[in-house]
Amino acid sequence: MKELVGTCKCCKKNIYCMAGFLNGVILKQGELLCFSCHNKKEFVSSVDPEHK
């Protein structure tokens, strides 16, 4: 089953829950990032300052 959860804050790509697994990351602020954008540390640091 594929269910739309929301869109990536950075690239606006749709993020889905597939078979119970989220295809992205939820930040502390409740915003979503796709895995590609989450792996770009320079972007994540500007969005989530507590990210290491």
PDB file of N, CA and C in Angstrom:
ATOM      1  N   MET A   1       0.836  -1.172   0.000  1.00  0.00           N
ATOM      2  CA  MET A   1       0.000   0.000   0.000  1.00  0.00           C
ATOM      3  C   MET A   1       0.887   1.243   0.000  1.00  0.00           C
ATOM      4  N   LYS A   2       0.518   2.236  -0.792  1.00  0.00           N
ATOM      5  CA  LYS A   2       1.277   3.470  -0.934  1.00  0.00           C
ATOM      6  C   LYS A   2       0.367   4.637  -0.568  1.00  0.00           C
ATOM      7  N   GLU A   3       0.765   5.411   0.463  1.00  0.00           N
ATOM      8  CA  GLU A   3      -0.077   6.501   0.948  1.00  0.00           C
ATOM      9  C   GLU A   3       0.737   7.796   1.017  1.00  0.00           C
ATOM     10  N   LEU A   4       0.244   8.845   0.381  1.00  0.00           N
ATOM     11  CA  LEU A   4       0.921  10.139   0.392  1.00  0.00           C
ATOM     12  C   LEU A   4       0.887  10.720   1.800  1.00  0.00           C
ATOM     13  N   VAL A   5       2.077  11.130   2.297  1.00  0.00           N
ATOM     14  CA  VAL A   5       2.184  11.709   3.636  1.00  0.00           C
ATOM     15  C   VAL A   5       2.324  13.230   3.537  1.00  0.00           C
ATOM     16  N   GLY A   6       3.100  13.693   2.568  1.00  0.00           N
ATOM     17  CA  GLY A   6       3.324  15.128   2.399  1.00  0.00           C
ATOM     18  C   GLY A   6       4.388  15.369   1.353  1.00  0.00           C
ATOM     19  N   THR A   7       4.995  16.566   1.372  1.00  0.00           N
ATOM     20  CA  THR A   7       6.042  16.903   0.411  1.00  0.00           C
ATOM     21  C   THR A   7       7.312  17.326   1.132  1.00  0.00           C
ATOM     22  N   CYS A   8       8.434  17.123   0.463  1.00  0.00           N
ATOM     23  CA  CYS A   8       9.745  17.501   1.003  1.00  0.00           C
ATOM     24  C   CYS A   8       9.831  19.023   1.096  1.00  0.00           C
ATOM     25  N   LYS A   9      10.295  19.522   2.228  1.00  0.00           N
ATOM     26  CA  LYS A   9      10.433  20.960   2.445  1.00  0.00           C
ATOM     27  C   LYS A   9      11.412  21.578   1.455  1.00  0.00           C
ATOM     28  N   CYS A  10      12.412  20.825   1.019  1.00  0.00           N
ATOM     29  CA  CYS A  10      13.455  21.355   0.144  1.00  0.00           C
ATOM     30  C   CYS A  10      13.074  21.267  -1.333  1.00  0.00           C
ATOM     31  N   CYS A  11      12.836  20.061  -1.831  1.00  0.00           N
ATOM     32  CA  CYS A  11      12.657  19.857  -3.273  1.00  0.00           C
ATOM     33  C   CYS A  11      11.200  19.697  -3.696  1.00  0.00           C
ATOM     34  N   LYS A  12      10.293  19.672  -2.741  1.00  0.00           N
ATOM     35  CA  LYS A  12       8.843  19.560  -3.001  1.00  0.00           C
ATOM     36  C   LYS A  12       8.428  18.218  -3.601  1.00  0.00           C
ATOM     37  N   LYS A  13       9.300  17.204  -3.511  1.00  0.00           N
ATOM     38  CA  LYS A  13       8.969  15.853  -3.976  1.00  0.00           C
ATOM     39  C   LYS A  13       7.976  15.215  -3.006  1.00  0.00           C
ATOM     40  N   ASN A  14       7.022  14.453  -3.545  1.00  0.00           N
ATOM     41  CA  ASN A  14       6.049  13.763  -2.693  1.00  0.00           C
ATOM     42  C   ASN A  14       6.741  12.701  -1.846  1.00  0.00           C
ATOM     43  N   ILE A  15       6.336  12.601  -0.591  1.00  0.00           N
ATOM     44  CA  ILE A  15       6.866  11.598   0.328  1.00  0.00           C
ATOM     45  C   ILE A  15       5.716  10.677   0.707  1.00  0.00           C
ATOM     46  N   TYR A  16       5.960   9.377   0.578  1.00  0.00           N
ATOM     47  CA  TYR A  16       4.924   8.371   0.797  1.00  0.00           C
ATOM     48  C   TYR A  16       5.274   7.462   1.966  1.00  0.00           C
ATOM     49  N   CYS A  17       4.240   6.880   2.547  1.00  0.00           N
ATOM     50  CA  CYS A  17       4.376   5.775   3.482  1.00  0.00           C
ATOM     51  C   CYS A  17       4.071   4.532   2.654  1.00  0.00           C
ATOM     52  N   MET A  18       5.031   3.621   2.580  1.00  0.00           N
ATOM     53  CA  MET A  18       4.861   2.407   1.775  1.00  0.00           C
ATOM     54  C   MET A  18       5.026   1.190   2.666  1.00  0.00           C
ATOM     55  N   ALA A  19       3.969   0.426   2.796  1.00  0.00           N
ATOM     56  CA  ALA A  19       3.971  -0.789   3.610  1.00  0.00           C
ATOM     57  C   ALA A  19       4.411  -0.502   5.050  1.00  0.00           C
ATOM     58  N   GLY A  20       4.019   0.668   5.569  1.00  0.00           N
ATOM     59  CA  GLY A  20       4.337   1.006   6.948  1.00  0.00           C
ATOM     60  C   GLY A  20       5.649   1.725   7.156  1.00  0.00           C
ATOM     61  N   PHE A  21       6.399   2.002   6.083  1.00  0.00           N
ATOM     62  CA  PHE A  21       7.692   2.679   6.192  1.00  0.00           C
ATOM     63  C   PHE A  21       7.637   4.029   5.493  1.00  0.00           C
ATOM     64  N   LEU A  22       8.064   5.069   6.175  1.00  0.00           N
ATOM     65  CA  LEU A  22       8.095   6.415   5.620  1.00  0.00           C
ATOM     66  C   LEU A  22       9.307   6.558   4.713  1.00  0.00           C
ATOM     67  N   ASN A  23       9.094   7.040   3.498  1.00  0.00           N
ATOM     68  CA  ASN A  23      10.194   7.246   2.557  1.00  0.00           C
ATOM     69  C   ASN A  23      10.759   8.654   2.707  1.00  0.00           C
ATOM     70  N   GLY A  24      11.132   9.007   3.921  1.00  0.00           N
ATOM     71  CA  GLY A  24      11.691  10.311   4.212  1.00  0.00           C
ATOM     72  C   GLY A  24      11.969  10.434   5.691  1.00  0.00           C
ATOM     73  N   VAL A  25      12.190  11.677   6.124  1.00  0.00           N
ATOM     74  CA  VAL A  25      12.563  11.951   7.504  1.00  0.00           C
ATOM     75  C   VAL A  25      11.672  13.075   8.025  1.00  0.00           C
ATOM     76  N   ILE A  26      11.205  12.934   9.261  1.00  0.00           N
ATOM     77  CA  ILE A  26      10.435  13.989   9.901  1.00  0.00           C
ATOM     78  C   ILE A  26      11.380  14.761  10.823  1.00  0.00           C
ATOM     79  N   LEU A  27      11.483  16.072  10.611  1.00  0.00           N
ATOM     80  CA  LEU A  27      12.320  16.916  11.457  1.00  0.00           C
ATOM     81  C   LEU A  27      11.582  17.238  12.754  1.00  0.00           C
ATOM     82  N   LYS A  28      12.307  17.737  13.743  1.00  0.00           N
ATOM     83  CA  LYS A  28      11.705  18.067  15.039  1.00  0.00           C
ATOM     84  C   LYS A  28      10.571  19.068  14.900  1.00  0.00           C
ATOM     85  N   GLN A  29      10.648  19.942  13.892  1.00  0.00           N
ATOM     86  CA  GLN A  29       9.611  20.941  13.666  1.00  0.00           C
ATOM     87  C   GLN A  29       8.380  20.339  13.011  1.00  0.00           C
ATOM     88  N   GLY A  30       8.420  19.040  12.694  1.00  0.00           N
ATOM     89  CA  GLY A  30       7.295  18.365  12.057  1.00  0.00           C
ATOM     90  C   GLY A  30       7.312  18.451  10.543  1.00  0.00           C
ATOM     91  N   GLU A  31       8.365  19.032   9.976  1.00  0.00           N
ATOM     92  CA  GLU A  31       8.484  19.137   8.524  1.00  0.00           C
ATOM     93  C   GLU A  31       9.117  17.872   7.965  1.00  0.00           C
ATOM     94  N   LEU A  32       8.860  17.617   6.676  1.00  0.00           N
ATOM     95  CA  LEU A  32       9.354  16.410   6.020  1.00  0.00           C
ATOM     96  C   LEU A  32      10.510  16.717   5.074  1.00  0.00           C
ATOM     97  N   LEU A  33      11.456  15.793   5.004  1.00  0.00           N
ATOM     98  CA  LEU A  33      12.537  15.830   4.020  1.00  0.00           C
ATOM     99  C   LEU A  33      12.618  14.466   3.359  1.00  0.00           C
ATOM    100  N   CYS A  34      12.839  14.437   2.043  1.00  0.00           N
ATOM    101  CA  CYS A  34      13.097  13.161   1.373  1.00  0.00           C
ATOM    102  C   CYS A  34      14.507  12.716   1.766  1.00  0.00           C
ATOM    103  N   PHE A  35      14.826  11.454   1.524  1.00  0.00           N
ATOM    104  CA  PHE A  35      16.148  10.952   1.907  1.00  0.00           C
ATOM    105  C   PHE A  35      17.268  11.679   1.175  1.00  0.00           C
ATOM    106  N   SER A  36      17.061  12.050  -0.096  1.00  0.00           N
ATOM    107  CA  SER A  36      18.103  12.752  -0.864  1.00  0.00           C
ATOM    108  C   SER A  36      18.458  14.079  -0.209  1.00  0.00           C
ATOM    109  N   CYS A  37      17.453  14.864   0.150  1.00  0.00           N
ATOM    110  CA  CYS A  37      17.707  16.156   0.781  1.00  0.00           C
ATOM    111  C   CYS A  37      18.253  15.982   2.194  1.00  0.00           C
ATOM    112  N   HIS A  38      17.814  14.975   2.899  1.00  0.00           N
ATOM    113  CA  HIS A  38      18.310  14.723   4.253  1.00  0.00           C
ATOM    114  C   HIS A  38      19.804  14.410   4.232  1.00  0.00           C
ATOM    115  N   ASN A  39      20.272  13.766   3.175  1.00  0.00           N
ATOM    116  CA  ASN A  39      21.685  13.410   3.068  1.00  0.00           C
ATOM    117  C   ASN A  39      22.567  14.606   2.717  1.00  0.00           C
ATOM    118  N   LYS A  40      21.982  15.720   2.317  1.00  0.00           N
ATOM    119  CA  LYS A  40      22.733  16.940   2.022  1.00  0.00           C
ATOM    120  C   LYS A  40      22.899  17.710   3.321  1.00  0.00           C
ATOM    121  N   LYS A  41      23.991  17.475   4.025  1.00  0.00           N
ATOM    122  CA  LYS A  41      24.184  18.021   5.368  1.00  0.00           C
ATOM    123  C   LYS A  41      24.084  19.545   5.422  1.00  0.00           C
ATOM    124  N   GLU A  42      24.551  20.241   4.400  1.00  0.00           N
ATOM    125  CA  GLU A  42      24.510  21.701   4.451  1.00  0.00           C
ATOM    126  C   GLU A  42      23.076  22.210   4.485  1.00  0.00           C
ATOM    127  N   PHE A  43      22.160  21.549   3.802  1.00  0.00           N
ATOM    128  CA  PHE A  43      20.758  21.967   3.836  1.00  0.00           C
ATOM    129  C   PHE A  43      20.139  21.617   5.179  1.00  0.00           C
ATOM    130  N   VAL A  44      20.372  20.417   5.640  1.00  0.00           N
ATOM    131  CA  VAL A  44      19.766  19.969   6.892  1.00  0.00           C
ATOM    132  C   VAL A  44      20.231  20.846   8.043  1.00  0.00           C
ATOM    133  N   SER A  45      21.477  21.244   8.054  1.00  0.00           N
ATOM    134  CA  SER A  45      21.984  22.091   9.135  1.00  0.00           C
ATOM    135  C   SER A  45      21.269  23.435   9.160  1.00  0.00           C
ATOM    136  N   SER A  46      20.904  23.952   7.997  1.00  0.00           N
ATOM    137  CA  SER A  46      20.209  25.239   7.976  1.00  0.00           C
ATOM    138  C   SER A  46      18.749  25.093   8.398  1.00  0.00           C
ATOM    139  N   VAL A  47      18.160  23.924   8.183  1.00  0.00           N
ATOM    140  CA  VAL A  47      16.759  23.692   8.523  1.00  0.00           C
ATOM    141  C   VAL A  47      16.626  23.206   9.961  1.00  0.00           C
ATOM    142  N   ASP A  48      17.549  22.347  10.389  1.00  0.00           N
ATOM    143  CA  ASP A  48      17.509  21.732  11.718  1.00  0.00           C
ATOM    144  C   ASP A  48      18.877  21.940  12.385  1.00  0.00           C
ATOM    145  N   PRO A  49      19.083  23.065  13.072  1.00  0.00           N
ATOM    146  CA  PRO A  49      20.391  23.386  13.644  1.00  0.00           C
ATOM    147  C   PRO A  49      20.931  22.349  14.628  1.00  0.00           C
ATOM    148  N   GLU A  50      20.069  21.534  15.216  1.00  0.00           N
ATOM    149  CA  GLU A  50      20.523  20.528  16.183  1.00  0.00           C
ATOM    150  C   GLU A  50      20.997  19.248  15.501  1.00  0.00           C
ATOM    151  N   HIS A  51      20.855  19.153  14.157  1.00  0.00           N
ATOM    152  CA  HIS A  51      21.269  17.945  13.427  1.00  0.00           C
ATOM    153  C   HIS A  51      22.800  17.864  13.417  1.00  0.00           C
ATOM    154  N   LYS A  52      23.322  16.695  13.694  1.00  0.00           N
ATOM    155  CA  LYS A  52      24.779  16.491  13.743  1.00  0.00           C
ATOM    156  C   LYS A  52      25.265  15.852  12.470  1.00  0.00           C
TER     157      LYS A  52
END
